[in-house]
C-alpha atoms as a PDB file:
ATOM      1  CA  MET A   1     112.488 103.119 120.195  1.00  0.00           C
ATOM      2  CA  PHE A   2     115.991 104.602 120.084  1.00  0.00           C
ATOM      3  CA  VAL A   3     118.454 103.622 117.309  1.00  0.00           C
ATOM      4  CA  ARG A   4     122.138 103.512 118.255  1.00  0.00           C
ATOM      5  CA  ASP A   5     123.324 105.331 115.155  1.00  0.00           C
ATOM      6  CA  PRO A   6     126.285 107.710 115.707  1.00  0.00           C
ATOM      7  CA  CYS A   7     125.171 109.991 112.854  1.00  0.00           C
ATOM      8  CA  GLY A   8     121.604 110.237 114.278  1.00  0.00           C
ATOM      9  CA  ILE A   9     122.812 110.931 117.768  1.00  0.00           C
ATOM     10  CA  VAL A  10     125.139 113.742 116.542  1.00  0.00           C
ATOM     11  CA  CYS A  11     122.269 115.233 114.534  1.00  0.00           C
ATOM     12  CA  ILE A  12     120.006 115.208 117.592  1.00  0.00           C
ATOM     13  CA  ILE A  13     122.631 117.012 119.635  1.00  0.00           C
ATOM     14  CA  VAL A  14     123.208 119.578 116.855  1.00  0.00           C
ATOM     15  CA  THR A  15     119.425 120.164 116.741  1.00  0.00           C
ATOM     16  CA  TYR A  16     119.050 120.851 120.414  1.00  0.00           C
ATOM     17  CA  VAL A  17     122.184 123.004 120.546  1.00  0.00           C
ATOM     18  CA  ALA A  18     120.756 125.115 117.612  1.00  0.00           C
ATOM     19  CA  VAL A  19     117.348 125.454 119.216  1.00  0.00           C
ATOM     20  CA  PHE A  20     118.647 126.474 122.635  1.00  0.00           C
ATOM     21  CA  TYR A  21     121.179 128.886 121.149  1.00  0.00           C
ATOM     22  CA  ALA A  22     118.348 130.549 119.218  1.00  0.00           C
ATOM     23  CA  ASP A  23     116.345 130.860 122.380  1.00  0.00           C
ATOM     24  CA  TYR A  24     119.318 132.389 124.202  1.00  0.00           C
ATOM     25  CA  VAL A  25     119.998 135.023 121.514  1.00  0.00           C
ATOM     26  CA  VAL A  26     116.319 135.996 121.115  1.00  0.00           C
ATOM     27  CA  VAL A  27     115.643 136.313 124.805  1.00  0.00           C
ATOM     28  CA  ARG A  28     118.982 137.772 125.969  1.00  0.00           C
ATOM     29  CA  TRP A  29     120.281 139.895 123.009  1.00  0.00           C
ATOM     30  CA  ILE A  30     116.977 140.859 121.257  1.00  0.00           C
ATOM     31  CA  VAL A  31     113.895 140.880 123.497  1.00  0.00           C
ATOM     32  CA  LEU A  32     115.419 141.810 126.925  1.00  0.00           C
ATOM     33  CA  HIS A  33     117.947 144.124 125.230  1.00  0.00           C
ATOM     34  CA  THR A  34     115.627 146.146 123.058  1.00  0.00           C
ATOM     35  CA  MET A  35     112.074 145.639 124.435  1.00  0.00           C
ATOM     36  CA  GLN A  36     112.686 145.548 128.216  1.00  0.00           C
ATOM     37  CA  ASP A  37     110.275 148.503 128.891  1.00  0.00           C
ATOM     38  CA  SER A  38     107.593 147.325 126.511  1.00  0.00           C
ATOM     39  CA  LEU A  39     104.701 144.860 126.760  1.00  0.00           C
ATOM     40  CA  TRP A  40     106.154 143.187 123.616  1.00  0.00           C
ATOM     41  CA  CYS A  41     108.922 141.793 125.909  1.00  0.00           C
ATOM     42  CA  PRO A  42     106.836 139.188 127.814  1.00  0.00           C
ATOM     43  CA  PHE A  43     104.734 138.534 124.743  1.00  0.00           C
ATOM     44  CA  HIS A  44     107.695 137.527 122.519  1.00  0.00           C
ATOM     45  CA  ILE A  45     109.325 135.555 125.290  1.00  0.00           C
ATOM     46  CA  ILE A  46     106.176 133.501 125.933  1.00  0.00           C
ATOM     47  CA  ALA A  47     105.352 133.126 122.187  1.00  0.00           C
ATOM     48  CA  PHE A  48     108.922 132.095 121.114  1.00  0.00           C
ATOM     49  CA  ASN A  49     109.273 129.622 123.962  1.00  0.00           C
ATOM     50  CA  THR A  50     105.859 128.154 123.263  1.00  0.00           C
ATOM     51  CA  VAL A  51     106.983 127.368 119.743  1.00  0.00           C
ATOM     52  CA  ILE A  52     110.147 125.861 121.107  1.00  0.00           C
ATOM     53  CA  LEU A  53     108.120 123.709 123.541  1.00  0.00           C
ATOM     54  CA  LEU A  54     105.876 122.432 120.732  1.00  0.00           C
ATOM     55  CA  LEU A  55     108.956 121.777 118.634  1.00  0.00           C
ATOM     56  CA  LEU A  56     110.652 119.768 121.362  1.00  0.00           C
ATOM     57  CA  MET A  57     107.500 117.782 122.024  1.00  0.00           C
ATOM     58  CA  ALA A  58     107.069 116.898 118.339  1.00  0.00           C
ATOM     59  CA  HIS A  59     110.758 116.038 117.989  1.00  0.00           C
ATOM     60  CA  LEU A  60     110.692 113.776 121.010  1.00  0.00           C
ATOM     61  CA  LYS A  61     107.576 112.076 119.763  1.00  0.00           C
ATOM     62  CA  ALA A  62     109.218 111.517 116.355  1.00  0.00           C
ATOM     63  CA  VAL A  63     112.389 110.180 117.947  1.00  0.00           C
ATOM     64  CA  CYS A  64     110.801 107.943 120.530  1.00  0.00           C
ATOM     65  CA  SER A  65     107.667 106.769 118.703  1.00  0.00           C
ATOM     66  CA  ASP A  66     107.349 103.415 116.914  1.00  0.00           C
ATOM     67  CA  PRO A  67     107.453 104.403 113.232  1.00  0.00           C
ATOM     68  CA  GLY A  68     105.470 101.288 112.260  1.00  0.00           C
ATOM     69  CA  ILE A  69     107.719  98.353 112.931  1.00  0.00           C
ATOM     70  CA  VAL A  70     106.500  95.060 111.506  1.00  0.00           C
ATOM     71  CA  PRO A  71     106.487  92.675 114.435  1.00  0.00           C
ATOM     72  CA  LEU A  72     108.611  89.585 114.153  1.00  0.00           C
ATOM     73  CA  PRO A  73     106.944  86.160 114.258  1.00  0.00           C
ATOM     74  CA  GLN A  74     106.855  84.446 117.643  1.00  0.00           C
ATOM     75  CA  SER A  75     108.285  81.264 116.039  1.00  0.00           C
ATOM     76  CA  ARG A  76     111.063  81.262 113.455  1.00  0.00           C
ATOM     77  CA  MET A  77     109.751  80.866 109.949  1.00  0.00           C
ATOM     78  CA  ASP A  78     111.550  78.765 107.302  1.00  0.00           C
ATOM     79  CA  PHE A  79     112.600  80.946 104.383  1.00  0.00           C
ATOM     80  CA  SER A  80     115.590  78.791 103.354  1.00  0.00           C
ATOM     81  CA  ASP A  81     114.286  78.304  99.876  1.00  0.00           C
ATOM     82  CA  ILE A  82     114.099  82.130  99.369  1.00  0.00           C
ATOM     83  CA  HIS A  83     117.682  82.654 100.646  1.00  0.00           C
ATOM     84  CA  VAL A  84     118.941  80.011  98.227  1.00  0.00           C
ATOM     85  CA  SER A  85     116.997  81.096  95.184  1.00  0.00           C
ATOM     86  CA  GLY A  86     116.916  84.898  95.506  1.00  0.00           C
ATOM     87  CA  GLY A  87     119.375  86.331  98.008  1.00  0.00           C
ATOM     88  CA  SER A  88     117.828  89.845  97.858  1.00  0.00           C
ATOM     89  CA  ASP A  89     116.260  91.662 100.742  1.00  0.00           C
ATOM     90  CA  ASP A  90     112.839  91.880  99.116  1.00  0.00           C
ATOM     91  CA  HIS A  91     110.992  88.861  97.797  1.00  0.00           C
ATOM     92  CA  GLU A  92     107.646  89.297  96.095  1.00  0.00           C
ATOM     93  CA  SER A  93     104.940  87.035  97.468  1.00  0.00           C
ATOM     94  CA  ASP A  94     102.984  84.843  95.074  1.00  0.00           C
ATOM     95  CA  GLU A  95      99.771  85.782  96.837  1.00  0.00           C
ATOM     96  CA  LYS A  96      97.359  88.297  95.425  1.00  0.00           C
ATOM     97  CA  ASP A  97      97.258  90.537  98.463  1.00  0.00           C
ATOM     98  CA  ASP A  98     100.601  92.289  97.691  1.00  0.00           C
ATOM     99  CA  TRP A  99     102.195  91.069 100.897  1.00  0.00           C
ATOM    100  CA  THR A 100     105.945  90.395 100.616  1.00  0.00           C
ATOM    101  CA  VAL A 101     108.583  88.485 102.458  1.00  0.00           C
ATOM    102  CA  CYS A 102     111.669  90.155 103.991  1.00  0.00           C
ATOM    103  CA  THR A 103     114.609  87.778 103.992  1.00  0.00           C
ATOM    104  CA  ARG A 104     116.523  89.895 106.533  1.00  0.00           C
ATOM    105  CA  CYS A 105     113.690  89.880 109.134  1.00  0.00           C
ATOM    106  CA  GLU A 106     112.471  86.547 107.883  1.00  0.00           C
ATOM    107  CA  THR A 107     108.869  87.553 108.179  1.00  0.00           C
ATOM    108  CA  TYR A 108     105.845  88.521 106.100  1.00  0.00           C
ATOM    109  CA  ARG A 109     105.186  92.197 105.726  1.00  0.00           C
ATOM    110  CA  PRO A 110     102.109  94.244 104.607  1.00  0.00           C
ATOM    111  CA  PRO A 111     101.919  96.303 101.486  1.00  0.00           C
ATOM    112  CA  ARG A 112     104.167  99.415 101.347  1.00  0.00           C
ATOM    113  CA  ALA A 113     106.467  98.115 104.135  1.00  0.00           C
ATOM    114  CA  HIS A 114     110.171  98.282 103.554  1.00  0.00           C
ATOM    115  CA  HIS A 115     113.351  97.152 105.324  1.00  0.00           C
ATOM    116  CA  CYS A 116     115.490  99.847 106.972  1.00  0.00           C
ATOM    117  CA  ARG A 117     119.185  98.818 107.104  1.00  0.00           C
ATOM    118  CA  ILE A 118     119.851 101.279 109.939  1.00  0.00           C
ATOM    119  CA  CYS A 119     116.921 100.287 112.197  1.00  0.00           C
ATOM    120  CA  LYS A 120     117.430  96.650 111.005  1.00  0.00           C
ATOM    121  CA  ARG A 121     113.608  96.136 110.834  1.00  0.00           C
ATOM    122  CA  CYS A 122     110.775  96.454 108.319  1.00  0.00           C
ATOM    123  CA  ILE A 123     108.817  99.639 108.645  1.00  0.00           C
ATOM    124  CA  ARG A 124     105.202 100.033 107.539  1.00  0.00           C
ATOM    125  CA  LYS A 125     104.786 102.785 104.886  1.00  0.00           C
ATOM    126  CA  MET A 126     108.397 103.783 105.343  1.00  0.00           C
ATOM    127  CA  ASP A 127     109.239 107.121 103.786  1.00  0.00           C
ATOM    128  CA  HIS A 128     112.939 107.374 104.736  1.00  0.00           C
ATOM    129  CA  HIS A 129     115.364 107.116 107.587  1.00  0.00           C
ATOM    130  CA  CYS A 130     116.012 110.592 109.019  1.00  0.00           C
ATOM    131  CA  PRO A 131     119.182 111.225 110.999  1.00  0.00           C
ATOM    132  CA  TRP A 132     117.684 114.406 112.514  1.00  0.00           C
ATOM    133  CA  ILE A 133     115.221 112.300 114.509  1.00  0.00           C
ATOM    134  CA  ASN A 134     117.480 109.220 114.599  1.00  0.00           C
ATOM    135  CA  ASN A 135     114.507 107.174 113.490  1.00  0.00           C
ATOM    136  CA  CYS A 136     112.568 106.130 110.413  1.00  0.00           C
ATOM    137  CA  VAL A 137     109.725 108.209 109.188  1.00  0.00           C
ATOM    138  CA  GLY A 138     106.859 105.788 108.746  1.00  0.00           C
ATOM    139  CA  GLU A 139     103.199 105.131 109.289  1.00  0.00           C
ATOM    140  CA  ARG A 140     103.101 105.833 112.991  1.00  0.00           C
ATOM    141  CA  ASN A 141     105.407 108.952 113.345  1.00  0.00           C
ATOM    142  CA  GLN A 142     105.186 110.815 110.053  1.00  0.00           C
ATOM    143  CA  LYS A 143     102.707 113.258 111.664  1.00  0.00           C
ATOM    144  CA  TYR A 144     105.245 114.177 114.360  1.00  0.00           C
ATOM    145  CA  PHE A 145     108.034 114.521 111.856  1.00  0.00           C
ATOM    146  CA  ILE A 146     105.912 116.927 109.766  1.00  0.00           C
ATOM    147  CA  GLN A 147     105.033 118.901 113.026  1.00  0.00           C
ATOM    148  CA  PHE A 148     108.755 119.109 113.784  1.00  0.00           C
ATOM    149  CA  LEU A 149     109.458 120.589 110.392  1.00  0.00           C
ATOM    150  CA  VAL A 150     106.623 123.084 110.705  1.00  0.00           C
ATOM    151  CA  TYR A 151     107.772 124.300 114.120  1.00  0.00           C
ATOM    152  CA  VAL A 152     111.470 124.558 113.025  1.00  0.00           C
ATOM    153  CA  GLY A 153     110.346 126.626 110.028  1.00  0.00           C
ATOM    154  CA  ALA A 154     108.109 128.825 112.124  1.00  0.00           C
ATOM    155  CA  LEU A 155     110.896 129.361 114.701  1.00  0.00           C
ATOM    156  CA  ALA A 156     113.400 130.277 111.990  1.00  0.00           C
ATOM    157  CA  ILE A 157     111.042 132.844 110.415  1.00  0.00           C
ATOM    158  CA  TYR A 158     110.058 134.262 113.850  1.00  0.00           C
ATOM    159  CA  ALA A 159     113.781 134.663 114.843  1.00  0.00           C
ATOM    160  CA  ILE A 160     114.630 136.416 111.612  1.00  0.00           C
ATOM    161  CA  ILE A 161     111.673 138.811 111.964  1.00  0.00           C
ATOM    162  CA  LEU A 162     112.673 139.656 115.491  1.00  0.00           C
ATOM    163  CA  VAL A 163     116.285 140.353 114.476  1.00  0.00           C
ATOM    164  CA  ILE A 164     115.211 142.621 111.592  1.00  0.00           C
ATOM    165  CA  THR A 165     112.609 144.409 113.724  1.00  0.00           C
ATOM    166  CA  SER A 166     115.166 145.089 116.481  1.00  0.00           C
ATOM    167  CA  TRP A 167     117.562 146.735 114.066  1.00  0.00           C
ATOM    168  CA  ILE A 168     114.938 148.821 112.207  1.00  0.00           C
ATOM    169  CA  TYR A 169     113.388 150.548 115.227  1.00  0.00           C
ATOM    170  CA  ASP A 170     115.453 152.793 117.480  1.00  0.00           C
ATOM    171  CA  CYS A 171     116.137 151.671 120.983  1.00  0.00           C
ATOM    172  CA  PRO A 172     116.830 154.670 123.317  1.00  0.00           C
ATOM    173  CA  GLN A 173     117.185 152.424 126.416  1.00  0.00           C
ATOM    174  CA  CYS A 174     119.745 150.089 124.800  1.00  0.00           C
ATOM    175  CA  ASN A 175     123.262 149.822 126.129  1.00  0.00           C
ATOM    176  CA  ASN A 176     125.630 151.794 123.861  1.00  0.00           C
ATOM    177  CA  ASP A 177     128.796 150.155 125.095  1.00  0.00           C
ATOM    178  CA  ILE A 178     130.927 149.077 122.201  1.00  0.00           C
ATOM    179  CA  ALA A 179     131.650 145.645 123.512  1.00  0.00           C
ATOM    180  CA  VAL A 180     127.917 145.048 124.074  1.00  0.00           C
ATOM    181  CA  LYS A 181     127.027 146.212 120.595  1.00  0.00           C
ATOM    182  CA  GLN A 182     129.737 143.950 119.050  1.00  0.00           C
ATOM    183  CA  ASN A 183     128.473 140.915 121.019  1.00  0.00           C
ATOM    184  CA  ARG A 184     124.884 141.651 119.983  1.00  0.00           C
ATOM    185  CA  ILE A 185     125.836 142.020 116.297  1.00  0.00           C
ATOM    186  CA  LEU A 186     127.814 138.819 116.414  1.00  0.00           C
ATOM    187  CA  HIS A 187     124.976 136.758 117.973  1.00  0.00           C
ATOM    188  CA  CYS A 188     122.329 138.306 115.695  1.00  0.00           C
ATOM    189  CA  VAL A 189     124.319 137.579 112.535  1.00  0.00           C
ATOM    190  CA  THR A 190     124.975 133.982 113.700  1.00  0.00           C
ATOM    191  CA  LEU A 191     121.275 133.582 114.497  1.00  0.00           C
ATOM    192  CA  VAL A 192     120.188 134.891 111.078  1.00  0.00           C
ATOM    193  CA  LEU A 193     122.553 132.471 109.319  1.00  0.00           C
ATOM    194  CA  GLU A 194     121.436 129.596 111.476  1.00  0.00           C
ATOM    195  CA  SER A 195     117.757 130.430 110.959  1.00  0.00           C
ATOM    196  CA  GLY A 196     118.132 130.903 107.255  1.00  0.00           C
ATOM    197  CA  LEU A 197     120.040 127.655 106.754  1.00  0.00           C
ATOM    198  CA  PHE A 198     117.730 125.513 108.910  1.00  0.00           C
ATOM    199  CA  GLY A 199     114.654 127.333 107.668  1.00  0.00           C
ATOM    200  CA  MET A 200     115.276 126.705 103.937  1.00  0.00           C
ATOM    201  CA  PHE A 201     116.297 123.133 104.679  1.00  0.00           C
ATOM    202  CA  VAL A 202     113.148 122.183 106.654  1.00  0.00           C
ATOM    203  CA  ILE A 203     110.853 124.045 104.206  1.00  0.00           C
ATOM    204  CA  ALA A 204     112.304 122.059 101.353  1.00  0.00           C
ATOM    205  CA  ILE A 205     111.747 118.817 103.202  1.00  0.00           C
ATOM    206  CA  LEU A 206     108.271 119.909 104.254  1.00  0.00           C
ATOM    207  CA  ILE A 207     107.260 120.576 100.608  1.00  0.00           C
ATOM    208  CA  ASP A 208     108.629 117.196  99.663  1.00  0.00           C
ATOM    209  CA  GLN A 209     106.600 115.549 102.469  1.00  0.00           C
ATOM    210  CA  PHE A 210     103.357 117.184 101.388  1.00  0.00           C
ATOM    211  CA  GLN A 211     103.994 116.278  97.756  1.00  0.00           C
ATOM    212  CA  ALA A 212     104.493 112.669  98.796  1.00  0.00           C
ATOM    213  CA  ILE A 213     101.294 112.652 100.929  1.00  0.00           C
ATOM    214  CA  LEU A 214      99.172 114.253  98.278  1.00  0.00           C
ATOM    215  CA  GLY A 215     100.672 111.987  95.640  1.00  0.00           C
ATOM    216  CA  ASP A 216     100.056 108.932  97.922  1.00  0.00           C
ATOM    217  CA  GLU A 217     103.623 107.673  97.699  1.00  0.00           C
ATOM    218  CA  THR A 218     106.591 107.468  99.974  1.00  0.00           C
ATOM    219  CA  ALA A 219     110.204 108.515  99.165  1.00  0.00           C
ATOM    220  CA  VAL A 220     111.174 104.857  98.932  1.00  0.00           C
ATOM    221  CA  GLU A 221     108.410 104.089  96.458  1.00  0.00           C
ATOM    222  CA  ARG A 222     109.411 107.117  94.414  1.00  0.00           C
ATOM    223  CA  VAL A 223     113.054 106.120  94.291  1.00  0.00           C
ATOM    224  CA  GLN A 224     112.208 102.530  93.413  1.00  0.00           C
ATOM    225  CA  GLY A 225     109.574 103.592  90.876  1.00  0.00           C
ATOM    226  CA  ILE A 226     106.813 101.600  92.480  1.00  0.00           C
ATOM    227  CA  GLN A 227     103.403 102.256  91.024  1.00  0.00           C
ATOM    228  CA  GLN A 228     100.640 102.363  93.493  1.00  0.00           C
ATOM    229  CA  ARG A 229      98.169  99.530  93.070  1.00  0.00           C
ATOM    230  CA  TYR A 230      96.403  99.890  96.446  1.00  0.00           C
ATOM    231  CA  HIS A 231      93.846 102.537  95.328  1.00  0.00           C
ATOM    232  CA  LYS A 232      91.749 102.371  92.262  1.00  0.00           C
ATOM    233  CA  ASN A 233      90.968 105.997  92.590  1.00  0.00           C
ATOM    234  CA  THR A 234      93.199 108.606  94.168  1.00  0.00           C
ATOM    235  CA  PRO A 235      91.693 109.720  97.520  1.00  0.00           C
ATOM    236  CA  ARG A 236      90.774 113.322  98.084  1.00  0.00           C
ATOM    237  CA  MET A 237      93.367 115.685  99.649  1.00  0.00           C
ATOM    238  CA  PHE A 238      91.643 115.755 103.041  1.00  0.00           C
ATOM    239  CA  THR A 239      91.507 111.950 103.116  1.00  0.00           C
ATOM    240  CA  LEU A 240      95.161 111.702 102.330  1.00  0.00           C
ATOM    241  CA  LEU A 241      96.141 114.170 105.007  1.00  0.00           C
ATOM    242  CA  SER A 242      93.868 112.518 107.598  1.00  0.00           C
ATOM    243  CA  GLN A 243      95.587 109.146 106.989  1.00  0.00           C
ATOM    244  CA  VAL A 244      98.751 110.785 108.270  1.00  0.00           C
ATOM    245  CA  CYS A 245      97.436 113.273 110.831  1.00  0.00           C
ATOM    246  CA  GLY A 246      94.451 111.297 112.194  1.00  0.00           C
ATOM    247  CA  LYS A 247      90.696 111.635 112.159  1.00  0.00           C
ATOM    248  CA  SER A 248      90.562 114.477 114.669  1.00  0.00           C
ATOM    249  CA  HIS A 249      89.630 118.031 113.628  1.00  0.00           C
ATOM    250  CA  PRO A 250      92.338 119.672 111.479  1.00  0.00           C
ATOM    251  CA  ILE A 251      92.849 122.347 114.145  1.00  0.00           C
ATOM    252  CA  PHE A 252      94.451 119.591 116.301  1.00  0.00           C
ATOM    253  CA  TRP A 253      96.744 118.325 113.589  1.00  0.00           C
ATOM    254  CA  LEU A 254      99.627 120.526 114.795  1.00  0.00           C
ATOM    255  CA  LEU A 255      99.354 119.383 118.409  1.00  0.00           C
ATOM    256  CA  PRO A 256     101.990 116.726 119.297  1.00  0.00           C
ATOM    257  CA  CYS A 257      99.646 115.221 121.958  1.00  0.00           C
ATOM    258  CA  HIS A 258      97.236 113.673 119.431  1.00  0.00           C
ATOM    259  CA  ASN A 259      98.232 110.277 118.116  1.00  0.00           C
ATOM    260  CA  PRO A 260      97.874 109.191 114.399  1.00  0.00           C
ATOM    261  CA  PRO A 261      95.632 106.228 113.495  1.00  0.00           C
ATOM    262  CA  ARG A 262      96.721 102.766 114.551  1.00  0.00           C
ATOM    263  CA  TYR A 263      96.649  99.824 112.163  1.00  0.00           C
ATOM    264  CA  SER A 264      96.167  96.219 112.993  1.00  0.00           C
ATOM    265  CA  PHE A 265      98.725  93.699 111.822  1.00  0.00           C
ATOM    266  CA  ARG A 266      96.902  90.807 110.316  1.00  0.00           C
ATOM    267  CA  LYS A 267      97.740  88.933 107.163  1.00  0.00           C
ATOM    268  CA  ASP A 268      94.177  88.817 105.970  1.00  0.00           C
ATOM    269  CA  THR A 269      93.317  92.460 106.573  1.00  0.00           C
ATOM    270  CA  TYR A 270      95.043  95.845 106.921  1.00  0.00           C
ATOM    271  CA  LEU A 271      92.268  98.119 108.346  1.00  0.00           C
ATOM    272  CA  ILE A 272      92.268 100.900 110.794  1.00  0.00           C
ATOM    273  CA  ASP A 273      91.100  99.543 114.169  1.00  0.00           C
ATOM    274  CA  HIS A 274      91.528 102.735 116.238  1.00  0.00           C
ATOM    275  CA  GLU A 275      90.911 106.246 115.011  1.00  0.00           C
ATOM    276  CA  VAL A 276      91.821 109.413 116.802  1.00  0.00           C
END
């Protein structure tokens, strides 16, 4: 899916401009400029661009994937009594299965699903709407969102290490022209500021995401103060992580090509019907 949100579209453009600028500075002004006669030159070019490739794959997956949209009913349901009596977006169901009714979508929705006013749909296990992926972070794409954060953080740290290393060690083959040196300093300082800003930002969000996963609550539930009633006992850490990352081996959890678990949409059950 792709949400036509101006803020989200601008954030996506900023993301790609920042990533490709970092690649340009690292390759042109750091690696090729200071390591051109060393085997470290092809190594860093391949390694840095591999991280960028994984970052772009995870980002595109997070942007284009269905975050867990609750399907609309085939025939229109009559919720006129709810509109008249309540008028709020969320209406608690009288049933004992914790399903609710969304008066905006006019449909039933499973536990832990919430309505997004930007996507204009209910999202299963919605955490928040993120402008950096122009999409909601929910049941089906939270894994890709976390992968994106991990790769951005890794890329920022990698870039800062390369900049520091290139200035610590002498480079006898480097061009000593004043204009070249000034350009290199300007690009390196800009890259360090960019990497530091984005690095701290995504690391903070990443910590928040892991706290939410291990606490078995979403950001929406935390803000609304919703107490979890869905588990009598808190699942173990590995179980909670596998609910987001899938049932594959943990070594594959950082690969954007593996899909998270799929959940069936049935009123009488909410079980995993396909495991990775």
